[in-house]
Amino acid sequence: MKPNDPLPEVLRYTAFSRDPEGGNPAGVVLDASGLDDADMLAIAADLGYSESAFLTPPPEGIEGLGDRAFGIRYFSPKAEVPFCGHATVAAALALAERTGPGELVFATPAGTVPVEVAEEGGALRATLTSVAPHIEEISASDVGEALAALGWPEADLDPLFPPRIAFAGARHLVLAAATRERLADLAYDFARLETLMHRLDLTTVQLVWRESADVFHVRDPFPVGGVVEDPATGAAAAAFGAYLREFGLVPEQSVLTLHQGEDMGRPGELTVTLRAGDRRVRVSGAGTRIGQDASGRSRA
């Protein structure tokens, strides 16, 4: 962006909650075609949200829906990330408010992600379909380092949930707490966990506790993005759905509810849907716009 170019409009939405004070806020720039990487990073850093989404015209070759196909990139305050679920939901809701509900498709750095926006009970709800997921082993020494950074004794892990790295657009280390109290007590060594995550190319650590057969509580430390904790993490939810299916912890066809953000005062709800015969994972949530100031620019 040239020095005298006008700033693009930066919208602010929260995803996975209908309450502006809940869920996970994201910046959304619907026309980022005039921005370079430094511009996008500066906007994301100024907003201070865990991620912001920047839309551009779709690349050639994308299987699209005409003017409902877009390129999209995601920036945290510190770096670009390959995929972000909550910012995808936020961007889809922003577009749907302007062009109506229906199908959208986003060309992300991780692959093509379709999104369906529907009106339910007078509000919009977005469902993204992940890229093909996979699960990776992690060494015992790396698990030990993660636990040391978190300050979690190994005995506080749920033995039914083996530590693994799960991917559905971005890489997340899945660690399951044996109790809700363990999950709630999060005070970790920021620098130590960040160092490990950079070495393993992790986007977040997905900390989980199982309340019932299809209800989970989750938290996501995100030091590599420059924030202590992500309030509602769609990419990690998709990866976790694939993880649960991989280990037979839920039926192949399931609808799961993930509660996130309660422990940091921003409660949100993510719906994870697994379909028999389809490796991809669907993540759904509501959202709402966060207000503006009188100039039309988003309030910080």
Protein backbone atom coordinates (compact mmCIF):
# COMPACT_ATOMS: atom_id res chain seq x y z
CA MET A 1 0.00 0.00 0.00
CA LYS A 2 1.41 3.37 -0.98
CA PRO A 3 1.82 6.10 1.69
CA ASN A 4 -1.11 8.19 0.44
CA ASP A 5 -3.45 5.33 -0.33
CA PRO A 6 -6.62 5.28 1.80
CA LEU A 7 -6.81 2.63 4.49
CA PRO A 8 -9.12 -0.26 3.61
CA GLU A 9 -12.25 -0.73 5.68
CA VAL A 10 -11.51 -3.11 8.55
CA LEU A 11 -14.60 -4.88 9.83
CA ARG A 12 -14.71 -6.60 13.21
CA TYR A 13 -16.75 -9.71 13.83
CA THR A 14 -16.88 -12.26 16.59
CA ALA A 15 -17.25 -15.91 15.61
CA PHE A 16 -18.86 -18.78 17.51
CA SER A 17 -21.11 -16.54 19.58
CA ARG A 18 -24.06 -14.25 18.91
CA ASP A 19 -22.84 -12.01 21.74
CA PRO A 20 -20.17 -9.45 20.73
CA GLU A 21 -18.54 -10.05 24.12
CA GLY A 22 -18.28 -13.81 23.49
CA GLY A 23 -16.58 -16.03 20.96
CA ASN A 24 -13.42 -15.07 19.11
CA PRO A 25 -13.09 -11.62 17.48
CA ALA A 26 -11.46 -11.28 14.08
CA GLY A 27 -10.67 -8.45 11.75
CA VAL A 28 -12.04 -8.81 8.22
CA VAL A 29 -10.84 -6.85 5.19
CA LEU A 30 -13.17 -7.64 2.29
CA ASP A 31 -10.88 -6.06 -0.31
CA ALA A 32 -7.20 -6.59 0.46
CA SER A 33 -6.07 -6.53 -3.17
CA GLY A 34 -4.04 -3.36 -2.59
CA LEU A 35 -2.26 -4.63 0.51
CA ASP A 36 1.12 -6.35 0.75
CA ASP A 37 2.25 -8.73 3.47
CA ALA A 38 3.60 -5.94 5.67
CA ASP A 39 0.30 -4.04 5.42
CA MET A 40 -1.73 -7.07 6.43
CA LEU A 41 0.57 -7.88 9.32
CA ALA A 42 0.41 -4.25 10.51
CA ILE A 43 -3.40 -4.25 10.44
CA ALA A 44 -3.53 -7.56 12.33
CA ALA A 45 -1.05 -6.28 14.91
CA ASP A 46 -2.97 -3.03 15.36
CA LEU A 47 -6.22 -4.93 15.96
CA GLY A 48 -4.51 -7.32 18.36
CA TYR A 49 -6.93 -10.17 17.68
CA SER A 50 -5.61 -13.71 17.43
CA GLU A 51 -6.18 -13.58 13.65
CA SER A 52 -7.59 -11.34 10.95
CA ALA A 53 -8.76 -12.34 7.46
CA PHE A 54 -7.85 -10.58 4.21
CA LEU A 55 -9.86 -11.31 1.06
CA THR A 56 -8.67 -11.01 -2.52
CA PRO A 57 -10.00 -12.15 -5.91
CA PRO A 58 -9.77 -15.94 -6.27
CA PRO A 59 -6.72 -17.47 -7.93
CA GLU A 60 -7.11 -19.01 -11.36
CA GLY A 61 -8.24 -22.61 -11.33
CA ILE A 62 -10.26 -22.51 -8.14
CA GLU A 63 -13.52 -24.41 -8.41
CA GLY A 64 -15.70 -21.50 -7.58
CA LEU A 65 -19.11 -19.99 -7.51
CA GLY A 66 -18.50 -16.95 -9.66
CA ASP A 67 -18.46 -13.86 -7.49
CA ARG A 68 -18.82 -15.99 -4.34
CA ALA A 69 -15.27 -17.36 -4.56
CA PHE A 70 -12.34 -15.58 -2.88
CA GLY A 71 -8.73 -15.82 -2.02
CA ILE A 72 -8.11 -15.45 1.72
CA ARG A 73 -5.07 -15.04 3.95
CA TYR A 74 -4.81 -14.96 7.72
CA PHE A 75 -2.47 -12.95 9.92
CA SER A 76 -1.97 -13.02 13.67
CA PRO A 77 -0.29 -10.04 15.36
CA LYS A 78 3.07 -11.77 14.82
CA ALA A 79 2.88 -13.88 11.65
CA GLU A 80 0.80 -15.32 8.84
CA VAL A 81 -0.98 -18.61 9.58
CA PRO A 82 -2.05 -21.14 6.92
CA PHE A 83 -5.65 -21.50 8.04
CA CYS A 84 -7.94 -19.98 10.67
CA GLY A 85 -11.42 -21.26 11.30
CA HIS A 86 -12.90 -18.40 13.29
CA ALA A 87 -11.67 -15.76 10.84
CA THR A 88 -13.13 -17.84 7.98
CA VAL A 89 -16.49 -17.88 9.76
CA ALA A 90 -16.23 -14.14 10.41
CA ALA A 91 -15.42 -13.41 6.76
CA ALA A 92 -18.27 -15.63 5.55
CA LEU A 93 -20.76 -13.89 7.82
CA ALA A 94 -19.54 -10.46 6.67
CA LEU A 95 -20.03 -11.47 3.04
CA ALA A 96 -23.42 -13.06 3.69
CA GLU A 97 -24.69 -9.88 5.33
CA ARG A 98 -23.90 -8.08 2.09
CA THR A 99 -24.80 -10.67 -0.57
CA GLY A 100 -27.13 -13.04 1.24
CA PRO A 101 -26.77 -16.55 2.65
CA GLY A 102 -25.60 -19.44 0.51
CA GLU A 103 -22.43 -21.13 -0.61
CA LEU A 104 -18.99 -19.52 -0.60
CA VAL A 105 -15.58 -20.91 -1.37
CA PHE A 106 -12.23 -19.68 -0.05
CA ALA A 107 -8.81 -20.45 -1.50
CA THR A 108 -6.69 -20.58 1.67
CA PRO A 109 -2.94 -21.22 1.89
CA ALA A 110 -3.86 -24.68 3.23
CA GLY A 111 -6.27 -25.53 0.41
CA THR A 112 -9.81 -24.88 -0.77
CA VAL A 113 -12.38 -24.46 2.01
CA PRO A 114 -16.11 -24.35 1.14
CA VAL A 115 -18.42 -22.49 3.52
CA GLU A 116 -22.20 -22.64 3.69
CA VAL A 117 -24.02 -19.73 5.37
CA ALA A 118 -27.63 -20.27 6.41
CA GLU A 119 -30.18 -18.26 8.34
CA GLU A 120 -31.35 -19.98 11.52
CA GLY A 121 -33.75 -18.36 13.95
CA GLY A 122 -33.24 -14.93 12.44
CA ALA A 123 -29.43 -15.12 12.64
CA LEU A 124 -26.71 -16.25 10.27
CA ARG A 125 -24.68 -19.39 10.91
CA ALA A 126 -21.64 -20.51 8.93
CA THR A 127 -20.36 -24.04 8.35
CA LEU A 128 -16.86 -24.55 6.95
CA THR A 129 -15.60 -27.82 5.50
CA SER A 130 -11.95 -28.50 6.28
CA VAL A 131 -9.25 -29.75 3.98
CA ALA A 132 -8.42 -33.45 4.35
CA PRO A 133 -7.06 -34.00 7.88
CA HIS A 134 -4.35 -36.25 9.21
CA ILE A 135 -2.90 -37.27 12.58
CA GLU A 136 0.81 -37.50 13.46
CA GLU A 137 2.79 -39.13 16.24
CA ILE A 138 4.71 -36.96 18.68
CA SER A 139 7.74 -38.08 20.66
CA ALA A 140 7.54 -38.68 24.39
CA SER A 141 10.26 -36.07 24.92
CA ASP A 142 8.25 -33.43 23.06
CA VAL A 143 5.13 -34.29 25.05
CA GLY A 144 7.21 -33.97 28.20
CA GLU A 145 8.46 -30.55 27.11
CA ALA A 146 4.91 -29.39 26.38
CA LEU A 147 3.73 -30.56 29.80
CA ALA A 148 6.70 -28.87 31.48
CA ALA A 149 5.89 -25.59 29.71
CA LEU A 150 2.24 -25.89 30.75
CA GLY A 151 3.11 -26.91 34.31
CA TRP A 152 0.97 -30.04 33.98
CA PRO A 153 2.04 -33.27 35.67
CA GLU A 154 1.72 -36.26 33.37
CA ALA A 155 -0.72 -37.79 35.87
CA ASP A 156 -3.17 -34.97 35.04
CA LEU A 157 -3.63 -36.28 31.47
CA ASP A 158 -6.62 -38.43 30.49
CA PRO A 159 -5.09 -41.79 29.49
CA LEU A 160 -7.90 -42.47 26.99
CA PHE A 161 -6.67 -39.59 24.79
CA PRO A 162 -3.13 -40.17 23.46
CA PRO A 163 -1.12 -37.00 22.74
CA ARG A 164 -0.93 -36.43 18.99
CA ILE A 165 -0.49 -33.66 16.45
CA ALA A 166 -3.71 -33.19 14.48
CA PHE A 167 -4.03 -31.31 11.19
CA ALA A 168 -7.08 -30.00 9.33
CA GLY A 169 -5.51 -26.94 7.73
CA ALA A 170 -3.09 -26.14 10.56
CA ARG A 171 -1.15 -28.25 13.08
CA HIS A 172 -2.34 -28.54 16.69
CA LEU A 173 -1.00 -30.62 19.57
CA VAL A 174 -3.92 -32.38 21.31
CA LEU A 175 -3.56 -32.90 25.07
CA ALA A 176 -6.50 -34.08 27.18
CA ALA A 177 -6.95 -33.12 30.83
CA ALA A 178 -8.34 -35.70 33.23
CA THR A 179 -10.46 -33.10 35.07
CA ARG A 180 -12.23 -29.82 34.38
CA GLU A 181 -10.20 -28.26 37.19
CA ARG A 182 -6.95 -29.11 35.41
CA LEU A 183 -8.20 -27.47 32.20
CA ALA A 184 -9.34 -24.37 34.08
CA ASP A 185 -5.94 -23.85 35.72
CA LEU A 186 -3.89 -22.48 32.84
CA ALA A 187 -0.76 -20.49 33.68
CA TYR A 188 2.03 -21.52 31.35
CA ASP A 189 5.59 -20.55 30.42
CA PHE A 190 4.90 -18.42 27.33
CA ALA A 191 8.43 -18.39 25.92
CA ARG A 192 9.09 -22.07 26.58
CA LEU A 193 5.87 -23.23 24.92
CA GLU A 194 6.40 -20.82 22.01
CA THR A 195 9.86 -22.27 21.38
CA LEU A 196 8.52 -25.82 21.28
CA MET A 197 5.64 -24.84 19.02
CA HIS A 198 7.93 -23.16 16.52
CA ARG A 199 10.11 -26.26 16.43
CA LEU A 200 7.11 -28.53 15.80
CA ASP A 201 5.38 -26.03 13.48
CA LEU A 202 2.28 -25.89 15.69
CA THR A 203 -0.40 -23.23 15.45
CA THR A 204 -1.99 -23.90 18.86
CA VAL A 205 -2.02 -26.49 21.60
CA GLN A 206 -5.53 -27.95 21.81
CA LEU A 207 -6.25 -28.65 25.48
CA VAL A 208 -9.45 -30.64 25.98
CA TRP A 209 -11.67 -32.15 28.67
CA ARG A 210 -14.53 -34.51 27.93
CA GLU A 211 -17.78 -33.66 29.72
CA SER A 212 -19.92 -36.34 28.06
CA ALA A 213 -20.05 -38.56 24.98
CA ASP A 214 -20.43 -35.62 22.59
CA VAL A 215 -19.60 -32.50 24.65
CA PHE A 216 -16.09 -31.19 25.23
CA HIS A 217 -14.48 -28.14 26.80
CA VAL A 218 -11.36 -26.83 25.06
CA ARG A 219 -8.66 -24.17 25.42
CA ASP A 220 -5.94 -23.13 22.96
CA PRO A 221 -2.70 -21.47 24.06
CA PHE A 222 -1.39 -19.46 21.08
CA PRO A 223 1.99 -17.91 21.99
CA VAL A 224 3.29 -18.24 18.41
CA GLY A 225 0.56 -15.80 17.37
CA GLY A 226 1.48 -13.31 20.05
CA VAL A 227 -1.54 -13.95 22.30
CA VAL A 228 -1.76 -16.05 25.45
CA GLU A 229 -4.95 -17.86 24.48
CA ASP A 230 -7.27 -18.11 21.50
CA PRO A 231 -10.92 -17.70 22.61
CA ALA A 232 -12.55 -20.01 20.00
CA THR A 233 -10.49 -21.98 17.51
CA GLY A 234 -12.23 -23.37 14.44
CA ALA A 235 -9.11 -24.86 12.86
CA ALA A 236 -8.26 -26.72 16.07
CA ALA A 237 -11.89 -27.88 16.38
CA ALA A 238 -11.67 -29.42 12.91
CA ALA A 239 -8.35 -31.08 13.75
CA PHE A 240 -9.78 -32.38 17.03
CA GLY A 241 -12.79 -33.87 15.25
CA ALA A 242 -10.41 -35.80 12.98
CA TYR A 243 -8.40 -36.90 16.02
CA LEU A 244 -11.49 -38.23 17.82
CA ARG A 245 -12.53 -40.21 14.76
CA GLU A 246 -9.00 -41.56 14.25
CA PHE A 247 -8.98 -43.14 17.70
CA GLY A 248 -12.60 -44.30 17.69
CA LEU A 249 -13.44 -41.98 20.59
CA VAL A 250 -16.67 -40.95 18.87
CA PRO A 251 -18.81 -42.68 16.21
CA GLU A 252 -17.74 -42.19 12.61
CA GLN A 253 -20.87 -40.10 12.11
CA SER A 254 -21.17 -37.59 14.96
CA VAL A 255 -22.26 -34.11 15.92
CA LEU A 256 -20.10 -32.74 18.74
CA THR A 257 -20.31 -29.59 20.83
CA LEU A 258 -17.15 -27.79 21.91
CA HIS A 259 -17.31 -25.09 24.58
CA GLN A 260 -14.42 -22.64 24.52
CA GLY A 261 -13.63 -19.27 26.03
CA GLU A 262 -15.51 -19.75 29.31
CA ASP A 263 -12.35 -19.59 31.40
CA MET A 264 -11.29 -16.28 29.81
CA GLY A 265 -14.69 -14.59 29.93
CA ARG A 266 -15.54 -14.98 26.22
CA PRO A 267 -17.78 -18.06 26.03
CA GLY A 268 -18.33 -19.54 22.61
CA GLU A 269 -19.75 -22.71 21.10
CA LEU A 270 -18.43 -24.68 18.14
CA THR A 271 -20.30 -27.52 16.45
CA VAL A 272 -18.14 -30.24 14.89
CA THR A 273 -19.80 -32.61 12.43
CA LEU A 274 -18.29 -35.87 11.21
CA ARG A 275 -19.85 -37.68 8.27
CA ALA A 276 -19.41 -41.36 7.46
CA GLY A 277 -17.36 -41.83 4.30
CA ASP A 278 -16.02 -38.26 4.29
CA ARG A 279 -12.62 -37.58 5.87
CA ARG A 280 -13.21 -33.84 5.98
CA VAL A 281 -14.56 -32.19 9.13
CA ARG A 282 -17.28 -29.54 9.31
CA VAL A 283 -17.19 -26.78 11.90
CA SER A 284 -20.22 -24.55 12.44
CA GLY A 285 -20.92 -21.45 14.45
CA ALA A 286 -22.86 -18.25 14.73
CA GLY A 287 -21.32 -14.80 14.91
CA THR A 288 -22.05 -11.12 14.98
CA ARG A 289 -20.52 -7.82 14.00
CA ILE A 290 -18.71 -5.74 16.60
CA GLY A 291 -19.52 -2.00 16.55
CA GLN A 292 -17.83 0.90 14.84
CA ASP A 293 -16.99 4.43 15.84
CA ALA A 294 -18.63 7.48 14.22
CA SER A 295 -16.02 7.62 11.45
CA GLY A 296 -16.99 4.17 10.25
CA ARG A 297 -13.67 2.68 11.31
CA SER A 298 -13.64 -0.26 13.67
CA ARG A 299 -13.11 0.52 17.32
CA ALA A 300 -9.96 -1.01 18.77
